[in-house]
């Protein structure tokens, strides 16, 4: 039998085309395991030297990209252990359940990091090693609840890193701005179904005293007339309907404040009092909120006595009164931003706004509708469809008088 000699490949022999093809079928990154291994015999062949140079260049490019361009996938983990009073009340219900909270993580250091995750008290990131400054914000349905103070974290290479993060309402700009930077006394959430069926929100509001309260409202709730002694920030997408005659909210102390952020108040067409009465203290309205569907002799929507009304957004619509169907002002009323007063009816004067003797109205934005003949029109049987002024009223710093036409705020 004829023996077939096995072909040996010596150190100086180039690989065959087939063996080279097999090499190409590997992962293109497998050659990076040891980029300098191809230089063991640099004089083997000129093409081999050129090939190694390409590999080294590719390796260096990838190193630069991994350390500079891909900051959230650096191969080193950092686990944030989040705790603290975000909305800690009635655990397992609404936003008190961490699974319903949205956490936004902001980081700066070797690069800039912004990451949003849903739920959970433990958040794992993959970062490039180095000194990072981390801050975490918790929100529910786009409404900020609380945030952490900026915290320095040294992310060590080659291991799993952990950092405790404590969030608290006192540090949150989205919350403390309502309270002049003060601490939130309590957070409370009321759902659309279970709490509405038991009138839990109404009972909760009846027991509030002095303090700073954030109340998140979903769904529709029935509310009896309440007088506020502290600051209450009503947030969310819920609707509060007045149960019986009287002002749904009376702000009757110089330190008291009602803040509407997205919540809608609905009154009664048979009522005898303004839907919100600001005898003293302050009422603030922001985008998404509404005051509507109420009747009173003066100020169907809002009656500003010796207090202050700041309307930066939201709508006052569909209210009726003898004077000042939308807003009746004896104190101070400022209107700005996207605020809208429309569709109110005065049986005498001031369909949109009535400024009483001694009252001041300052407008720098928003819109008060006049006699356009559509659903947005304010109406006044004796004049002043949009504004009737017996006090002091300015728009953009300039005096304004009685008007039946649209008034657009001038900054």
Protein backbone atom coordinates (compact mmCIF):
# COMPACT_ATOMS: atom_id res chain seq x y z
CA UNK A 1 0.00 0.00 0.00
CA UNK A 2 1.31 3.36 -0.95
CA UNK A 3 1.74 5.72 1.98
CA UNK A 4 0.61 9.27 1.59
CA UNK A 5 3.01 11.70 3.18
CA UNK A 6 1.41 14.24 5.53
CA UNK A 7 2.13 17.81 4.57
CA UNK A 8 3.79 19.83 7.28
CA UNK A 9 3.39 23.52 7.60
CA UNK A 10 6.57 25.12 8.84
CA UNK A 11 6.83 28.31 10.77
CA UNK A 12 7.64 30.24 7.67
CA UNK A 13 4.77 28.90 5.58
CA UNK A 14 1.74 31.09 4.95
CA UNK A 15 -1.68 29.58 5.70
CA UNK A 16 -3.58 28.08 2.81
CA UNK A 17 -6.60 29.88 1.35
CA UNK A 18 -8.92 27.37 3.08
CA UNK A 19 -7.39 27.93 6.49
CA UNK A 20 -7.49 31.66 5.92
CA UNK A 21 -11.19 31.40 5.01
CA UNK A 22 -11.86 29.58 8.27
CA UNK A 23 -10.15 32.40 10.11
CA UNK A 24 -12.40 34.94 8.42
CA UNK A 25 -15.49 33.04 9.53
CA UNK A 26 -14.68 33.73 13.16
CA UNK A 27 -16.11 36.72 15.02
CA UNK A 28 -14.42 39.83 13.67
CA UNK A 29 -13.56 40.75 17.23
CA UNK A 30 -11.90 37.42 18.12
CA UNK A 31 -8.68 38.68 16.68
CA UNK A 32 -8.59 41.31 19.40
CA UNK A 33 -7.91 38.83 22.20
CA UNK A 34 -4.24 39.49 21.80
CA UNK A 35 -3.60 42.12 19.19
CA UNK A 36 0.15 41.77 19.50
CA UNK A 37 0.28 37.98 19.05
CA UNK A 38 0.56 38.39 15.30
CA UNK A 39 3.91 40.10 15.80
CA UNK A 40 5.75 37.01 17.07
CA UNK A 41 7.45 36.69 13.66
CA UNK A 42 7.15 40.12 12.10
CA UNK A 43 9.37 39.11 9.17
CA UNK A 44 7.19 36.20 8.12
CA UNK A 45 5.58 38.13 5.35
CA UNK A 46 4.81 41.73 4.46
CA UNK A 47 1.07 41.14 4.21
CA UNK A 48 1.04 39.66 7.70
CA UNK A 49 2.65 42.83 9.05
CA UNK A 50 0.08 44.96 7.30
CA UNK A 51 -2.70 42.73 8.65
CA UNK A 52 -1.46 43.10 12.20
CA UNK A 53 -1.30 46.86 11.83
CA UNK A 54 -4.95 46.94 10.78
CA UNK A 55 -5.87 44.78 13.76
CA UNK A 56 -4.02 47.00 16.21
CA UNK A 57 -5.63 50.12 14.76
CA UNK A 58 -9.10 48.55 15.07
CA UNK A 59 -8.35 47.53 18.64
CA UNK A 60 -7.32 51.05 19.63
CA UNK A 61 -10.42 52.56 17.99
CA UNK A 62 -12.67 50.22 19.95
CA UNK A 63 -10.88 51.07 23.20
CA UNK A 64 -11.43 54.78 22.60
CA UNK A 65 -15.09 54.26 21.72
CA UNK A 66 -15.74 52.09 24.77
CA UNK A 67 -14.19 54.61 27.14
CA UNK A 68 -15.62 57.78 25.63
CA UNK A 69 -18.66 57.16 23.50
CA UNK A 70 -20.62 54.42 25.26
CA UNK A 71 -20.86 55.65 28.81
CA UNK A 72 -23.83 53.54 29.81
CA UNK A 73 -22.20 50.25 28.84
CA UNK A 74 -18.77 50.43 30.39
CA UNK A 75 -18.69 46.87 31.64
CA UNK A 76 -18.68 47.88 35.32
CA UNK A 77 -21.96 47.77 37.21
CA UNK A 78 -23.29 50.29 39.69
CA UNK A 79 -26.42 49.34 41.61
CA UNK A 80 -28.39 52.20 43.16
CA UNK A 81 -30.30 51.17 46.27
CA UNK A 82 -33.14 53.70 46.33
CA UNK A 83 -34.99 54.38 49.56
CA UNK A 84 -36.65 57.26 51.35
CA UNK A 85 -39.99 59.02 51.55
CA UNK A 86 -41.05 59.46 47.96
CA UNK A 87 -44.76 58.92 48.35
CA UNK A 88 -44.59 56.60 51.31
CA UNK A 89 -48.17 56.27 52.39
CA UNK A 90 -50.58 53.33 52.10
CA UNK A 91 -47.96 50.98 50.57
CA UNK A 92 -49.09 49.00 47.55
CA UNK A 93 -51.63 51.57 46.44
CA UNK A 94 -51.16 53.86 43.49
CA UNK A 95 -47.79 55.60 43.25
CA UNK A 96 -46.78 54.23 46.66
CA UNK A 97 -46.11 51.03 44.75
CA UNK A 98 -42.54 51.39 43.38
CA UNK A 99 -43.55 49.52 40.23
CA UNK A 100 -45.71 52.51 39.25
CA UNK A 101 -42.99 55.10 39.79
CA UNK A 102 -40.68 56.30 37.05
CA UNK A 103 -37.10 56.97 38.10
CA UNK A 104 -34.85 59.27 36.09
CA UNK A 105 -31.14 58.96 36.80
CA UNK A 106 -28.85 61.85 35.95
CA UNK A 107 -25.10 61.31 36.08
CA UNK A 108 -22.01 63.31 35.28
CA UNK A 109 -18.34 62.42 35.52
CA UNK A 110 -16.41 60.60 32.78
CA UNK A 111 -19.39 61.55 30.64
CA UNK A 112 -23.06 62.51 30.81
CA UNK A 113 -25.71 59.93 31.68
CA UNK A 114 -29.51 60.20 31.52
CA UNK A 115 -31.48 57.02 32.05
CA UNK A 116 -35.15 56.40 32.78
CA UNK A 117 -36.40 53.19 34.37
CA UNK A 118 -39.82 52.06 35.51
CA UNK A 119 -40.33 50.88 39.06
CA UNK A 120 -38.21 49.07 41.59
CA UNK A 121 -36.08 50.22 44.47
CA UNK A 122 -32.90 48.77 42.99
CA UNK A 123 -31.49 50.21 39.77
CA UNK A 124 -28.47 48.69 38.04
CA UNK A 125 -26.35 50.73 35.65
CA UNK A 126 -23.34 49.82 33.55
CA UNK A 127 -20.81 52.64 33.62
CA UNK A 128 -17.25 53.48 32.73
CA UNK A 129 -15.17 53.48 35.94
CA UNK A 130 -14.48 56.86 37.50
CA UNK A 131 -15.94 59.49 39.79
CA UNK A 132 -19.59 60.10 39.04
CA UNK A 133 -22.17 62.47 40.48
CA UNK A 134 -25.56 60.74 40.57
CA UNK A 135 -29.02 62.20 41.19
CA UNK A 136 -32.33 60.30 41.06
CA UNK A 137 -35.79 61.77 40.53
CA UNK A 138 -39.02 59.83 41.17
CA UNK A 139 -42.23 60.75 39.32
CA UNK A 140 -45.71 59.38 38.72
CA UNK A 141 -47.65 60.09 35.51
CA UNK A 142 -45.18 62.84 34.73
CA UNK A 143 -45.60 64.54 38.11
CA UNK A 144 -42.39 64.83 40.16
CA UNK A 145 -42.63 63.43 43.65
CA UNK A 146 -39.16 63.57 45.11
CA UNK A 147 -35.50 63.46 44.26
CA UNK A 148 -32.17 62.75 45.86
CA UNK A 149 -29.44 65.20 46.61
CA UNK A 150 -26.54 64.96 44.13
CA UNK A 151 -24.27 62.19 45.40
CA UNK A 152 -20.64 61.44 44.54
CA UNK A 153 -19.96 57.80 43.66
CA UNK A 154 -16.54 56.32 42.82
CA UNK A 155 -17.22 53.52 40.35
CA UNK A 156 -14.39 50.99 40.68
CA UNK A 157 -13.29 48.88 37.72
CA UNK A 158 -13.55 45.12 37.77
CA UNK A 159 -16.29 44.73 40.32
CA UNK A 160 -19.91 45.31 41.27
CA UNK A 161 -20.44 48.68 42.92
CA UNK A 162 -23.39 49.73 45.06
CA UNK A 163 -24.51 53.13 46.29
CA UNK A 164 -27.41 53.96 48.60
CA UNK A 165 -29.60 56.76 47.25
CA UNK A 166 -32.14 58.46 49.52
CA UNK A 167 -34.93 60.43 47.90
CA UNK A 168 -37.00 62.91 49.83
CA UNK A 169 -39.66 65.50 49.08
CA UNK A 170 -37.81 68.30 50.85
CA UNK A 171 -35.16 68.25 48.11
CA UNK A 172 -37.48 68.16 45.13
CA UNK A 173 -37.80 71.38 43.18
CA UNK A 174 -41.05 70.05 41.71
CA UNK A 175 -42.50 69.78 45.18
CA UNK A 176 -40.86 72.33 47.42
CA UNK A 177 -41.50 75.10 44.91
CA UNK A 178 -45.11 74.92 46.07
CA UNK A 179 -44.05 75.48 49.65
CA UNK A 180 -41.33 78.10 49.36
CA UNK A 181 -38.64 75.43 49.68
CA UNK A 182 -40.22 73.93 52.80
CA UNK A 183 -40.62 70.28 53.65
CA UNK A 184 -43.64 68.30 52.47
CA UNK A 185 -45.65 67.21 55.50
CA UNK A 186 -47.35 64.32 53.74
CA UNK A 187 -48.04 62.76 50.36
CA UNK A 188 -51.34 61.10 49.64
CA UNK A 189 -52.73 59.34 46.54
CA UNK A 190 -56.40 58.76 45.72
CA UNK A 191 -57.28 56.35 42.93
CA UNK A 192 -60.13 56.45 40.47
CA UNK A 193 -62.02 53.46 41.83
CA UNK A 194 -61.49 52.36 45.42
CA UNK A 195 -61.05 55.76 47.06
CA UNK A 196 -63.76 57.45 45.00
CA UNK A 197 -66.30 54.81 46.06
CA UNK A 198 -65.66 55.50 49.76
CA UNK A 199 -65.23 59.29 49.51
CA UNK A 200 -61.81 58.85 51.08
CA UNK A 201 -60.47 62.06 49.55
CA UNK A 202 -63.27 64.12 51.06
CA UNK A 203 -62.62 62.61 54.49
CA UNK A 204 -58.89 63.22 54.16
CA UNK A 205 -59.30 66.88 53.23
CA UNK A 206 -61.63 67.46 56.17
CA UNK A 207 -58.89 66.48 58.61
CA UNK A 208 -56.04 68.60 57.26
CA UNK A 209 -54.57 71.27 59.49
CA UNK A 210 -51.51 73.46 59.13
CA UNK A 211 -48.72 71.96 57.04
CA UNK A 212 -47.72 71.26 53.44
CA UNK A 213 -49.64 68.50 51.67
CA UNK A 214 -49.25 66.98 48.21
CA UNK A 215 -52.45 65.21 47.14
CA UNK A 216 -52.43 63.22 43.89
CA UNK A 217 -55.88 62.64 42.41
CA UNK A 218 -57.01 60.21 39.70
CA UNK A 219 -60.63 59.75 38.65
CA UNK A 220 -63.74 61.56 39.88
CA UNK A 221 -64.39 62.39 43.55
CA UNK A 222 -67.19 64.16 45.38
CA UNK A 223 -66.12 66.89 47.79
CA UNK A 224 -68.03 68.78 50.47
CA UNK A 225 -67.15 72.43 51.21
CA UNK A 226 -63.76 72.62 52.97
CA UNK A 227 -61.76 75.41 54.64
CA UNK A 228 -57.98 75.16 54.34
CA UNK A 229 -55.58 76.06 57.14
CA UNK A 230 -52.35 74.93 55.47
CA UNK A 231 -51.00 74.51 51.95
CA UNK A 232 -52.58 71.85 49.75
CA UNK A 233 -51.15 71.04 46.32
CA UNK A 234 -53.71 69.09 44.28
CA UNK A 235 -52.04 67.27 41.39
CA UNK A 236 -52.93 64.67 38.81
CA UNK A 237 -55.67 64.26 36.23
CA UNK A 238 -58.64 63.86 38.55
CA UNK A 239 -61.93 65.75 38.83
CA UNK A 240 -63.44 67.02 42.08
CA UNK A 241 -67.20 67.64 42.08
CA UNK A 242 -68.95 69.78 44.66
CA UNK A 243 -71.41 67.77 46.77
CA UNK A 244 -73.50 70.52 48.37
CA UNK A 245 -73.90 74.30 48.26
CA UNK A 246 -70.96 76.35 49.47
CA UNK A 247 -67.39 76.97 48.33
CA UNK A 248 -65.57 73.74 47.60
CA UNK A 249 -62.44 75.40 49.00
CA UNK A 250 -62.20 78.44 51.21
CA UNK A 251 -58.68 79.78 51.72
CA UNK A 252 -59.18 81.72 54.92
CA UNK A 253 -55.76 82.24 56.51
CA UNK A 254 -52.80 84.37 55.43
CA UNK A 255 -50.55 81.28 55.55
CA UNK A 256 -53.01 79.04 53.68
CA UNK A 257 -52.64 78.17 50.01
CA UNK A 258 -54.47 76.05 47.42
CA UNK A 259 -52.47 74.92 44.39
CA UNK A 260 -54.11 73.31 41.36
CA UNK A 261 -51.81 71.35 39.04
CA UNK A 262 -53.93 69.43 36.54
CA UNK A 263 -56.91 68.82 38.84
CA UNK A 264 -60.35 70.04 37.72
CA UNK A 265 -62.99 71.50 40.05
CA UNK A 266 -66.67 71.34 39.10
CA UNK A 267 -69.35 73.30 40.96
CA UNK A 268 -73.14 73.45 41.02
CA UNK A 269 -75.36 75.61 38.83
CA UNK A 270 -77.68 75.97 41.85
CA UNK A 271 -74.92 76.99 44.24
CA UNK A 272 -74.91 80.11 46.40
CA UNK A 273 -71.15 80.61 46.79
CA UNK A 274 -68.02 80.87 44.64
CA UNK A 275 -66.40 77.56 43.80
CA UNK A 276 -63.14 78.82 45.33
CA UNK A 277 -63.16 81.68 47.83
CA UNK A 278 -59.84 83.33 48.66
CA UNK A 279 -60.67 85.40 51.71
CA UNK A 280 -56.99 85.50 52.69
CA UNK A 281 -53.99 83.47 51.60
CA UNK A 282 -53.32 82.39 48.02
CA UNK A 283 -54.81 80.40 45.14
CA UNK A 284 -52.49 79.20 42.35
CA UNK A 285 -53.55 77.60 39.05
CA UNK A 286 -51.33 75.85 36.50
CA UNK A 287 -51.70 74.05 33.16
CA UNK A 288 -54.35 71.36 32.97
CA UNK A 289 -56.40 72.59 35.91
CA UNK A 290 -59.94 73.97 35.60
CA UNK A 291 -62.66 75.73 37.61
CA UNK A 292 -66.06 75.37 36.00
CA UNK A 293 -69.83 74.93 36.19
CA UNK A 294 -70.67 77.02 39.23
CA UNK A 295 -73.07 79.82 40.20
CA UNK A 296 -72.65 82.57 42.80
CA UNK A 297 -73.87 86.16 43.19
CA UNK A 298 -70.30 87.45 42.79
CA UNK A 299 -67.45 85.41 41.38
CA UNK A 300 -69.03 82.25 40.05
CA UNK A 301 -65.61 80.65 39.58
CA UNK A 302 -63.27 82.48 41.97
CA UNK A 303 -63.91 85.19 44.55
CA UNK A 304 -60.73 87.00 45.59
CA UNK A 305 -61.39 88.86 48.85
CA UNK A 306 -58.31 90.08 50.69
CA UNK A 307 -56.20 87.27 49.25
CA UNK A 308 -54.14 86.67 46.12
CA UNK A 309 -54.95 84.68 43.00
CA UNK A 310 -52.07 83.68 40.69
CA UNK A 311 -53.26 82.12 37.44
CA UNK A 312 -50.32 80.86 35.35
CA UNK A 313 -52.31 78.29 33.38
CA UNK A 314 -55.53 76.30 33.30
CA UNK A 315 -59.05 77.46 32.47
CA UNK A 316 -61.98 79.15 34.19
CA UNK A 317 -65.03 78.27 32.11
CA UNK A 318 -68.80 77.89 32.20
CA UNK A 319 -69.52 79.80 35.42
CA UNK A 320 -72.40 82.21 36.08
CA UNK A 321 -72.90 85.11 38.49
CA UNK A 322 -74.37 88.60 38.73
CA UNK A 323 -70.92 90.21 38.56
CA UNK A 324 -67.57 88.67 37.72
CA UNK A 325 -68.74 85.31 36.43
CA UNK A 326 -65.20 84.02 35.98
CA UNK A 327 -63.30 85.96 38.65
CA UNK A 328 -64.44 88.69 41.05
CA UNK A 329 -61.47 90.63 42.42
CA UNK A 330 -61.34 92.72 45.56
CA UNK A 331 -57.79 91.62 46.40
CA UNK A 332 -54.98 90.89 43.91
CA UNK A 333 -55.24 88.83 40.72
CA UNK A 334 -52.36 88.16 38.31
CA UNK A 335 -52.79 86.31 35.02
CA UNK A 336 -49.97 85.00 32.84
CA UNK A 337 -48.73 82.10 30.73
CA UNK A 338 -51.37 79.97 29.03
CA UNK A 339 -54.25 80.86 31.35
CA UNK A 340 -57.69 81.11 29.73
CA UNK A 341 -60.97 82.62 30.98
CA UNK A 342 -63.83 81.76 28.62
CA UNK A 343 -67.51 80.88 28.31
CA UNK A 344 -68.68 82.57 31.53
CA UNK A 345 -71.93 84.51 31.88
CA UNK A 346 -72.53 87.61 34.02
CA UNK A 347 -76.11 88.74 34.56
CA UNK A 348 -74.78 92.25 35.03
CA UNK A 349 -71.08 93.16 34.62
CA UNK A 350 -67.80 91.38 33.99
CA UNK A 351 -68.34 88.11 32.18
CA UNK A 352 -64.66 87.19 32.44
CA UNK A 353 -63.24 89.39 35.21
CA UNK A 354 -64.80 92.01 37.48
CA UNK A 355 -62.31 94.24 39.34
CA UNK A 356 -63.96 95.79 42.37
CA UNK A 357 -62.99 99.09 44.01
CA UNK A 358 -59.62 98.57 45.68
CA UNK A 359 -58.90 95.41 43.69
CA UNK A 360 -55.91 95.01 41.37
CA UNK A 361 -55.64 92.95 38.21
CA UNK A 362 -52.26 92.48 36.50
CA UNK A 363 -52.14 90.70 33.16
CA UNK A 364 -48.95 89.65 31.35
CA UNK A 365 -50.15 86.59 29.45
CA UNK A 366 -53.11 84.34 28.78
CA UNK A 367 -56.44 85.19 27.16
CA UNK A 368 -59.79 86.55 28.33
CA UNK A 369 -62.39 85.98 25.64
CA UNK A 370 -64.89 88.69 24.68
CA UNK A 371 -68.01 88.84 22.54
CA UNK A 372 -67.03 86.60 19.65
CA UNK A 373 -70.35 84.79 19.57
CA UNK A 374 -68.89 81.30 19.95
CA UNK A 375 -68.60 78.85 22.85
CA UNK A 376 -65.50 80.60 24.13
CA UNK A 377 -67.20 83.97 24.49
CA UNK A 378 -67.67 85.49 27.90
CA UNK A 379 -70.96 87.39 28.23
CA UNK A 380 -72.12 90.29 30.41
CA UNK A 381 -75.65 91.62 30.11
CA UNK A 382 -74.70 95.16 31.18
CA UNK A 383 -71.20 95.34 29.68
CA UNK A 384 -67.66 94.20 30.18
CA UNK A 385 -67.87 90.86 28.40
CA UNK A 386 -64.20 90.19 29.05
CA UNK A 387 -63.39 92.77 31.74
CA UNK A 388 -65.24 95.29 33.92
CA UNK A 389 -62.89 97.50 35.90
CA UNK A 390 -63.76 99.55 38.98
CA UNK A 391 -60.29 99.19 40.47
CA UNK A 392 -56.80 98.99 38.96
CA UNK A 393 -56.13 96.83 35.88
CA UNK A 394 -53.06 96.68 33.68
CA UNK A 395 -51.95 94.60 30.71
CA UNK A 396 -48.24 94.60 29.94
CA UNK A 397 -47.86 97.47 32.37
CA UNK A 398 -50.42 99.64 30.61
CA UNK A 399 -53.85 100.51 32.07
CA UNK A 400 -56.87 98.69 30.66
CA UNK A 401 -60.50 99.67 31.04
CA UNK A 402 -63.85 98.00 30.51
CA UNK A 403 -63.78 95.75 27.46
CA UNK A 404 -66.19 93.61 25.49
CA UNK A 405 -63.44 92.30 23.19
CA UNK A 406 -60.81 89.61 23.57
CA UNK A 407 -57.91 90.59 25.78
CA UNK A 408 -54.58 88.92 25.11
CA UNK A 409 -51.91 89.27 27.75
CA UNK A 410 -48.81 91.27 26.88
CA UNK A 411 -45.56 90.38 28.69
